[in-house]
Amino acid sequence: MSDIITKAVEALSEKIDGFTAGVAKFVIEGEGAIVVDADGVRAADDAADVTLTADLETFQGMMEGDVNPTAAFMQGKLSIDGDMGLAMQLGSALS
């Protein structure tokens, strides 16, 4: 597992605690994937209800609070595949 994914798992764990609404996957282009579900946050590429894909810069910005997930989606910096309702819940949790 890369250092970037390890740090991303830590950052997401701090922001999203006890997410039980479903299974979400964050894909950081060129780095790997992270799954968030009722079991916690972990590096994995499991099947998910929603997959959010962004480059490293956008993902870091969302973790640091500098990039609004909804704005990133509207600007084409974040793509979403799957359950949009779940994605919106995640966006709220990250803001």
Protein backbone atom coordinates (compact mmCIF):
# COMPACT_ATOMS: atom_id res chain seq x y z
CA MET A 1 0.00 0.00 0.00
CA SER A 2 1.38 3.42 -0.92
CA ASP A 3 2.06 6.14 1.63
CA ILE A 4 -0.58 8.28 -0.10
CA ILE A 5 -3.29 5.65 0.41
CA THR A 6 -2.19 5.11 4.02
CA LYS A 7 -2.45 8.85 4.71
CA ALA A 8 -5.78 9.04 2.87
CA VAL A 9 -7.20 6.22 5.03
CA GLU A 10 -6.11 8.14 8.15
CA ALA A 11 -7.62 11.40 6.89
CA LEU A 12 -10.93 9.78 5.96
CA SER A 13 -11.07 7.95 9.29
CA GLU A 14 -10.86 11.30 11.09
CA LYS A 15 -13.59 12.88 8.94
CA ILE A 16 -16.01 9.98 8.62
CA ASP A 17 -16.72 8.16 11.86
CA GLY A 18 -19.38 5.46 11.99
CA PHE A 19 -20.64 5.78 8.41
CA THR A 20 -23.44 3.21 8.18
CA ALA A 21 -25.49 4.45 5.21
CA GLY A 22 -23.89 2.02 2.75
CA VAL A 23 -20.60 1.17 1.08
CA ALA A 24 -18.61 3.94 -0.58
CA LYS A 25 -15.36 3.75 -2.47
CA PHE A 26 -12.95 6.61 -3.07
CA VAL A 27 -10.61 6.11 -6.01
CA ILE A 28 -7.55 8.34 -6.11
CA GLU A 29 -6.40 8.30 -9.72
CA GLY A 30 -3.02 6.65 -10.10
CA GLU A 31 -2.82 5.70 -6.41
CA GLY A 32 -5.53 3.22 -5.40
CA ALA A 33 -8.87 2.90 -3.66
CA ILE A 34 -10.35 3.29 -0.19
CA VAL A 35 -13.60 1.75 1.04
CA VAL A 36 -15.81 3.31 3.72
CA ASP A 37 -18.60 1.31 5.35
CA ALA A 38 -20.01 0.28 8.74
CA ASP A 39 -16.73 -1.58 9.43
CA GLY A 40 -14.69 1.61 9.03
CA VAL A 41 -12.22 2.97 6.51
CA ARG A 42 -9.66 0.76 4.78
CA ALA A 43 -7.55 0.46 1.67
CA ALA A 44 -9.52 -1.84 -0.61
CA ASP A 45 -11.09 -2.08 -4.04
CA ASP A 46 -14.29 -3.85 -3.00
CA ALA A 47 -17.67 -3.47 -4.69
CA ALA A 48 -19.51 -0.37 -3.46
CA ASP A 49 -22.88 1.35 -3.65
CA VAL A 50 -21.15 4.52 -4.86
CA THR A 51 -17.68 5.21 -6.23
CA LEU A 52 -16.15 8.68 -6.09
CA THR A 53 -13.12 9.25 -8.30
CA ALA A 54 -10.76 12.23 -8.14
CA ASP A 55 -7.13 13.09 -8.67
CA LEU A 56 -4.81 13.37 -5.67
CA GLU A 57 -4.97 17.18 -5.52
CA THR A 58 -8.78 17.22 -5.41
CA PHE A 59 -8.92 14.45 -2.82
CA GLN A 60 -6.40 16.22 -0.59
CA GLY A 61 -8.36 19.44 -0.92
CA MET A 62 -11.55 17.69 0.20
CA MET A 63 -9.76 16.17 3.20
CA GLU A 64 -8.26 19.53 4.20
CA GLY A 65 -11.58 21.35 3.77
CA ASP A 66 -10.28 23.53 0.94
CA VAL A 67 -12.37 21.85 -1.76
CA ASN A 68 -16.13 21.46 -1.46
CA PRO A 69 -17.14 18.00 -2.78
CA THR A 70 -20.26 19.38 -4.49
CA ALA A 71 -18.26 22.11 -6.20
CA ALA A 72 -15.62 19.57 -7.26
CA PHE A 73 -18.37 17.44 -8.83
CA MET A 74 -19.89 20.43 -10.64
CA GLN A 75 -16.45 21.42 -11.97
CA GLY A 76 -15.77 17.89 -13.26
CA LYS A 77 -12.96 17.30 -10.76
CA LEU A 78 -14.91 14.57 -8.95
CA SER A 79 -16.84 11.85 -10.73
CA ILE A 80 -19.56 9.81 -9.06
CA ASP A 81 -20.78 6.40 -10.17
CA GLY A 82 -23.70 4.82 -8.34
CA ASP A 83 -26.01 5.98 -5.56
CA MET A 84 -26.17 9.80 -5.75
CA GLY A 85 -28.06 10.01 -2.45
CA LEU A 86 -25.23 8.19 -0.71
CA ALA A 87 -22.71 10.46 -2.42
CA MET A 88 -24.57 13.50 -1.09
CA GLN A 89 -24.47 12.08 2.45
CA LEU A 90 -20.73 11.60 2.07
CA GLY A 91 -20.36 15.15 0.79
CA SER A 92 -22.09 16.44 3.91
CA ALA A 93 -19.87 14.31 6.13
CA LEU A 94 -16.74 15.66 4.43
CA SER A 95 -17.74 19.32 4.60
